[in-house]
Amino acid sequence: MPATLTAKKKCCKDKPRCKKCPVTLKRLETMGYAKRKDTRTYVMIDVVPKSVMKKARARA
């Protein structure tokens, strides 16, 4: 069963961004690791490698 994540309502803009940040989930979607189910819910398509998660959270 693929994991589903619900994004937070508002980004806190911390460095690095948290894993449930809407910006991080949007970046993972553009990289091909997540698919948007509805407005704030994402389904993870594959296991996200640590290096990819690090890039999605830290990119400026």
PDB file of N, CA and C in Angstrom:
ATOM      1  N   MET A   1       0.839  -1.181   0.000  1.00  0.00           N
ATOM      2  CA  MET A   1       0.000   0.000   0.000  1.00  0.00           C
ATOM      3  C   MET A   1       0.886   1.247   0.000  1.00  0.00           C
ATOM      4  N   PRO A   2       0.711   2.137  -0.960  1.00  0.00           N
ATOM      5  CA  PRO A   2       1.535   3.344  -1.005  1.00  0.00           C
ATOM      6  C   PRO A   2       1.194   4.289   0.146  1.00  0.00           C
ATOM      7  N   ALA A   3       2.201   4.989   0.608  1.00  0.00           N
ATOM      8  CA  ALA A   3       2.020   5.927   1.717  1.00  0.00           C
ATOM      9  C   ALA A   3       1.340   7.197   1.217  1.00  0.00           C
ATOM     10  N   THR A   4       0.442   7.728   2.036  1.00  0.00           N
ATOM     11  CA  THR A   4      -0.194   9.009   1.715  1.00  0.00           C
ATOM     12  C   THR A   4       0.222  10.019   2.770  1.00  0.00           C
ATOM     13  N   LEU A   5       0.505  11.224   2.330  1.00  0.00           N
ATOM     14  CA  LEU A   5       0.866  12.315   3.228  1.00  0.00           C
ATOM     15  C   LEU A   5      -0.083  13.478   3.011  1.00  0.00           C
ATOM     16  N   THR A   6      -0.476  14.110   4.093  1.00  0.00           N
ATOM     17  CA  THR A   6      -1.299  15.306   4.018  1.00  0.00           C
ATOM     18  C   THR A   6      -0.408  16.495   4.322  1.00  0.00           C
ATOM     19  N   ALA A   7      -0.365  17.451   3.424  1.00  0.00           N
ATOM     20  CA  ALA A   7       0.474  18.631   3.599  1.00  0.00           C
ATOM     21  C   ALA A   7      -0.123  19.546   4.659  1.00  0.00           C
ATOM     22  N   LYS A   8       0.761  20.300   5.309  1.00  0.00           N
ATOM     23  CA  LYS A   8       0.295  21.295   6.265  1.00  0.00           C
ATOM     24  C   LYS A   8      -0.439  22.401   5.513  1.00  0.00           C
ATOM     25  N   LYS A   9      -1.227  23.186   6.219  1.00  0.00           N
ATOM     26  CA  LYS A   9      -1.977  24.256   5.570  1.00  0.00           C
ATOM     27  C   LYS A   9      -1.059  25.390   5.129  1.00  0.00           C
ATOM     28  N   LYS A  10      -0.056  25.690   5.931  1.00  0.00           N
ATOM     29  CA  LYS A  10       0.818  26.822   5.633  1.00  0.00           C
ATOM     30  C   LYS A  10       2.274  26.425   5.848  1.00  0.00           C
ATOM     31  N   CYS A  11       3.111  26.880   4.955  1.00  0.00           N
ATOM     32  CA  CYS A  11       4.542  26.607   5.051  1.00  0.00           C
ATOM     33  C   CYS A  11       5.151  27.485   6.135  1.00  0.00           C
ATOM     34  N   CYS A  12       6.002  26.900   6.975  1.00  0.00           N
ATOM     35  CA  CYS A  12       6.638  27.673   8.053  1.00  0.00           C
ATOM     36  C   CYS A  12       7.945  28.327   7.588  1.00  0.00           C
ATOM     37  N   LYS A  13       8.438  27.949   6.412  1.00  0.00           N
ATOM     38  CA  LYS A  13       9.634  28.521   5.788  1.00  0.00           C
ATOM     39  C   LYS A  13      10.904  28.320   6.610  1.00  0.00           C
ATOM     40  N   ASP A  14      10.967  27.235   7.380  1.00  0.00           N
ATOM     41  CA  ASP A  14      12.183  26.909   8.114  1.00  0.00           C
ATOM     42  C   ASP A  14      13.229  26.366   7.151  1.00  0.00           C
ATOM     43  N   LYS A  15      14.466  26.326   7.581  1.00  0.00           N
ATOM     44  CA  LYS A  15      15.546  25.738   6.803  1.00  0.00           C
ATOM     45  C   LYS A  15      16.129  24.601   7.601  1.00  0.00           C
ATOM     46  N   PRO A  16      16.135  23.370   7.212  1.00  0.00           N
ATOM     47  CA  PRO A  16      15.460  22.828   6.046  1.00  0.00           C
ATOM     48  C   PRO A  16      13.961  22.707   6.293  1.00  0.00           C
ATOM     49  N   ARG A  17      13.215  22.665   5.215  1.00  0.00           N
ATOM     50  CA  ARG A  17      11.761  22.548   5.328  1.00  0.00           C
ATOM     51  C   ARG A  17      11.400  21.169   5.879  1.00  0.00           C
ATOM     52  N   CYS A  18      10.246  21.086   6.540  1.00  0.00           N
ATOM     53  CA  CYS A  18       9.822  19.804   7.111  1.00  0.00           C
ATOM     54  C   CYS A  18       9.306  18.883   6.002  1.00  0.00           C
ATOM     55  N   LYS A  19       9.096  17.622   6.345  1.00  0.00           N
ATOM     56  CA  LYS A  19       8.677  16.630   5.352  1.00  0.00           C
ATOM     57  C   LYS A  19       7.223  16.799   4.935  1.00  0.00           C
ATOM     58  N   LYS A  20       6.393  17.438   5.758  1.00  0.00           N
ATOM     59  CA  LYS A  20       4.980  17.630   5.444  1.00  0.00           C
ATOM     60  C   LYS A  20       4.692  19.028   4.883  1.00  0.00           C
ATOM     61  N   CYS A  21       5.734  19.761   4.574  1.00  0.00           N
ATOM     62  CA  CYS A  21       5.575  21.100   4.015  1.00  0.00           C
ATOM     63  C   CYS A  21       4.996  21.004   2.601  1.00  0.00           C
ATOM     64  N   PRO A  22       4.035  21.859   2.254  1.00  0.00           N
ATOM     65  CA  PRO A  22       3.472  21.805   0.908  1.00  0.00           C
ATOM     66  C   PRO A  22       4.505  22.044  -0.189  1.00  0.00           C
ATOM     67  N   VAL A  23       5.511  22.846   0.090  1.00  0.00           N
ATOM     68  CA  VAL A  23       6.559  23.123  -0.896  1.00  0.00           C
ATOM     69  C   VAL A  23       7.391  21.862  -1.146  1.00  0.00           C
ATOM     70  N   THR A  24       7.753  21.160  -0.083  1.00  0.00           N
ATOM     71  CA  THR A  24       8.525  19.924  -0.218  1.00  0.00           C
ATOM     72  C   THR A  24       7.757  18.876  -1.001  1.00  0.00           C
ATOM     73  N   LEU A  25       6.474  18.715  -0.695  1.00  0.00           N
ATOM     74  CA  LEU A  25       5.670  17.725  -1.405  1.00  0.00           C
ATOM     75  C   LEU A  25       5.482  18.101  -2.875  1.00  0.00           C
ATOM     76  N   LYS A  26       5.363  19.377  -3.172  1.00  0.00           N
ATOM     77  CA  LYS A  26       5.250  19.824  -4.558  1.00  0.00           C
ATOM     78  C   LYS A  26       6.537  19.531  -5.317  1.00  0.00           C
ATOM     79  N   ARG A  27       7.686  19.742  -4.675  1.00  0.00           N
ATOM     80  CA  ARG A  27       8.974  19.450  -5.308  1.00  0.00           C
ATOM     81  C   ARG A  27       9.121  17.954  -5.569  1.00  0.00           C
ATOM     82  N   LEU A  28       8.675  17.122  -4.621  1.00  0.00           N
ATOM     83  CA  LEU A  28       8.726  15.681  -4.830  1.00  0.00           C
ATOM     84  C   LEU A  28       7.805  15.267  -5.969  1.00  0.00           C
ATOM     85  N   GLU A  29       6.689  15.966  -6.130  1.00  0.00           N
ATOM     86  CA  GLU A  29       5.774  15.678  -7.237  1.00  0.00           C
ATOM     87  C   GLU A  29       6.435  15.980  -8.581  1.00  0.00           C
ATOM     88  N   THR A  30       7.131  17.099  -8.664  1.00  0.00           N
ATOM     89  CA  THR A  30       7.791  17.458  -9.920  1.00  0.00           C
ATOM     90  C   THR A  30       8.955  16.519 -10.229  1.00  0.00           C
ATOM     91  N   MET A  31       9.569  15.941  -9.174  1.00  0.00           N
ATOM     92  CA  MET A  31      10.658  14.974  -9.372  1.00  0.00           C
ATOM     93  C   MET A  31      10.127  13.593  -9.733  1.00  0.00           C
ATOM     94  N   GLY A  32       8.836  13.350  -9.540  1.00  0.00           N
ATOM     95  CA  GLY A  32       8.250  12.072  -9.910  1.00  0.00           C
ATOM     96  C   GLY A  32       8.118  11.070  -8.778  1.00  0.00           C
ATOM     97  N   TYR A  33       8.302  11.487  -7.536  1.00  0.00           N
ATOM     98  CA  TYR A  33       8.216  10.574  -6.399  1.00  0.00           C
ATOM     99  C   TYR A  33       6.865  10.633  -5.694  1.00  0.00           C
ATOM    100  N   ALA A  34       6.021  11.597  -6.030  1.00  0.00           N
ATOM    101  CA  ALA A  34       4.708  11.717  -5.402  1.00  0.00           C
ATOM    102  C   ALA A  34       3.688  12.100  -6.455  1.00  0.00           C
ATOM    103  N   LYS A  35       2.442  11.775  -6.164  1.00  0.00           N
ATOM    104  CA  LYS A  35       1.354  12.140  -7.054  1.00  0.00           C
ATOM    105  C   LYS A  35       0.271  12.803  -6.220  1.00  0.00           C
ATOM    106  N   ARG A  36      -0.246  13.912  -6.719  1.00  0.00           N
ATOM    107  CA  ARG A  36      -1.260  14.653  -5.981  1.00  0.00           C
ATOM    108  C   ARG A  36      -2.610  13.941  -6.089  1.00  0.00           C
ATOM    109  N   LYS A  37      -3.230  13.674  -4.950  1.00  0.00           N
ATOM    110  CA  LYS A  37      -4.524  13.007  -4.914  1.00  0.00           C
ATOM    111  C   LYS A  37      -5.656  14.028  -4.896  1.00  0.00           C
ATOM    112  N   ASP A  38      -5.549  15.027  -4.027  1.00  0.00           N
ATOM    113  CA  ASP A  38      -6.470  16.165  -4.034  1.00  0.00           C
ATOM    114  C   ASP A  38      -5.699  17.386  -3.557  1.00  0.00           C
ATOM    115  N   THR A  39      -6.366  18.382  -3.041  1.00  0.00           N
ATOM    116  CA  THR A  39      -5.719  19.660  -2.753  1.00  0.00           C
ATOM    117  C   THR A  39      -4.489  19.535  -1.856  1.00  0.00           C
ATOM    118  N   ARG A  40      -4.601  18.806  -0.739  1.00  0.00           N
ATOM    119  CA  ARG A  40      -3.487  18.719   0.198  1.00  0.00           C
ATOM    120  C   ARG A  40      -2.968  17.302   0.413  1.00  0.00           C
ATOM    121  N   THR A  41      -3.470  16.324  -0.284  1.00  0.00           N
ATOM    122  CA  THR A  41      -3.076  14.942  -0.077  1.00  0.00           C
ATOM    123  C   THR A  41      -2.214  14.458  -1.240  1.00  0.00           C
ATOM    124  N   TYR A  42      -1.098  13.850  -0.889  1.00  0.00           N
ATOM    125  CA  TYR A  42      -0.167  13.300  -1.874  1.00  0.00           C
ATOM    126  C   TYR A  42       0.022  11.816  -1.612  1.00  0.00           C
ATOM    127  N   VAL A  43       0.179  11.046  -2.680  1.00  0.00           N
ATOM    128  CA  VAL A  43       0.476   9.622  -2.588  1.00  0.00           C
ATOM    129  C   VAL A  43       1.908   9.435  -3.055  1.00  0.00           C
ATOM    130  N   MET A  44       2.721   8.810  -2.210  1.00  0.00           N
ATOM    131  CA  MET A  44       4.105   8.559  -2.561  1.00  0.00           C
ATOM    132  C   MET A  44       4.153   7.368  -3.509  1.00  0.00           C
ATOM    133  N   ILE A  45       4.705   7.570  -4.697  1.00  0.00           N
ATOM    134  CA  ILE A  45       4.742   6.542  -5.723  1.00  0.00           C
ATOM    135  C   ILE A  45       5.820   5.505  -5.417  1.00  0.00           C
ATOM    136  N   ASP A  46       6.942   5.943  -4.927  1.00  0.00           N
ATOM    137  CA  ASP A  46       8.075   5.069  -4.693  1.00  0.00           C
ATOM    138  C   ASP A  46       8.697   5.454  -3.353  1.00  0.00           C
ATOM    139  N   VAL A  47       9.592   4.609  -2.856  1.00  0.00           N
ATOM    140  CA  VAL A  47      10.349   4.958  -1.661  1.00  0.00           C
ATOM    141  C   VAL A  47      11.311   6.079  -2.043  1.00  0.00           C
ATOM    142  N   VAL A  48      11.233   7.177  -1.324  1.00  0.00           N
ATOM    143  CA  VAL A  48      12.049   8.348  -1.655  1.00  0.00           C
ATOM    144  C   VAL A  48      13.444   8.162  -1.061  1.00  0.00           C
ATOM    145  N   PRO A  49      14.490   8.160  -1.901  1.00  0.00           N
ATOM    146  CA  PRO A  49      15.852   8.062  -1.379  1.00  0.00           C
ATOM    147  C   PRO A  49      16.192   9.273  -0.506  1.00  0.00           C
ATOM    148  N   LYS A  50      17.079   9.050   0.427  1.00  0.00           N
ATOM    149  CA  LYS A  50      17.454  10.102   1.371  1.00  0.00           C
ATOM    150  C   LYS A  50      18.042  11.321   0.654  1.00  0.00           C
ATOM    151  N   SER A  51      18.827  11.096  -0.390  1.00  0.00           N
ATOM    152  CA  SER A  51      19.447  12.212  -1.111  1.00  0.00           C
ATOM    153  C   SER A  51      18.400  13.065  -1.826  1.00  0.00           C
ATOM    154  N   VAL A  52      17.356  12.427  -2.355  1.00  0.00           N
ATOM    155  CA  VAL A  52      16.291  13.166  -3.048  1.00  0.00           C
ATOM    156  C   VAL A  52      15.476  13.980  -2.045  1.00  0.00           C
ATOM    157  N   MET A  53      15.174  13.370  -0.879  1.00  0.00           N
ATOM    158  CA  MET A  53      14.428  14.086   0.153  1.00  0.00           C
ATOM    159  C   MET A  53      15.218  15.280   0.661  1.00  0.00           C
ATOM    160  N   LYS A  54      16.531  15.116   0.760  1.00  0.00           N
ATOM    161  CA  LYS A  54      17.389  16.199   1.207  1.00  0.00           C
ATOM    162  C   LYS A  54      17.364  17.372   0.222  1.00  0.00           C
ATOM    163  N   LYS A  55      17.392  17.059  -1.092  1.00  0.00           N
ATOM    164  CA  LYS A  55      17.326  18.098  -2.113  1.00  0.00           C
ATOM    165  C   LYS A  55      15.981  18.815  -2.091  1.00  0.00           C
ATOM    166  N   ALA A  56      14.906  18.066  -1.908  1.00  0.00           N
ATOM    167  CA  ALA A  56      13.562  18.657  -1.919  1.00  0.00           C
ATOM    168  C   ALA A  56      13.348  19.561  -0.709  1.00  0.00           C
ATOM    169  N   ARG A  57      13.954  19.219   0.419  1.00  0.00           N
ATOM    170  CA  ARG A  57      13.772  20.016   1.622  1.00  0.00           C
ATOM    171  C   ARG A  57      14.694  21.233   1.662  1.00  0.00           C
ATOM    172  N   ALA A  58      15.872  21.175   1.050  1.00  0.00           N
ATOM    173  CA  ALA A  58      16.876  22.215   1.232  1.00  0.00           C
ATOM    174  C   ALA A  58      16.974  23.189   0.067  1.00  0.00           C
ATOM    175  N   ARG A  59      16.410  22.850  -1.086  1.00  0.00           N
ATOM    176  CA  ARG A  59      16.584  23.682  -2.268  1.00  0.00           C
ATOM    177  C   ARG A  59      16.017  25.080  -2.046  1.00  0.00           C
ATOM    178  N   ALA A  60      16.680  26.065  -2.577  1.00  0.00           N
ATOM    179  CA  ALA A  60      16.226  27.453  -2.385  1.00  0.00           C
ATOM    180  C   ALA A  60      15.359  27.941  -3.505  1.00  0.00           C
TER     181      ALA A  60
END
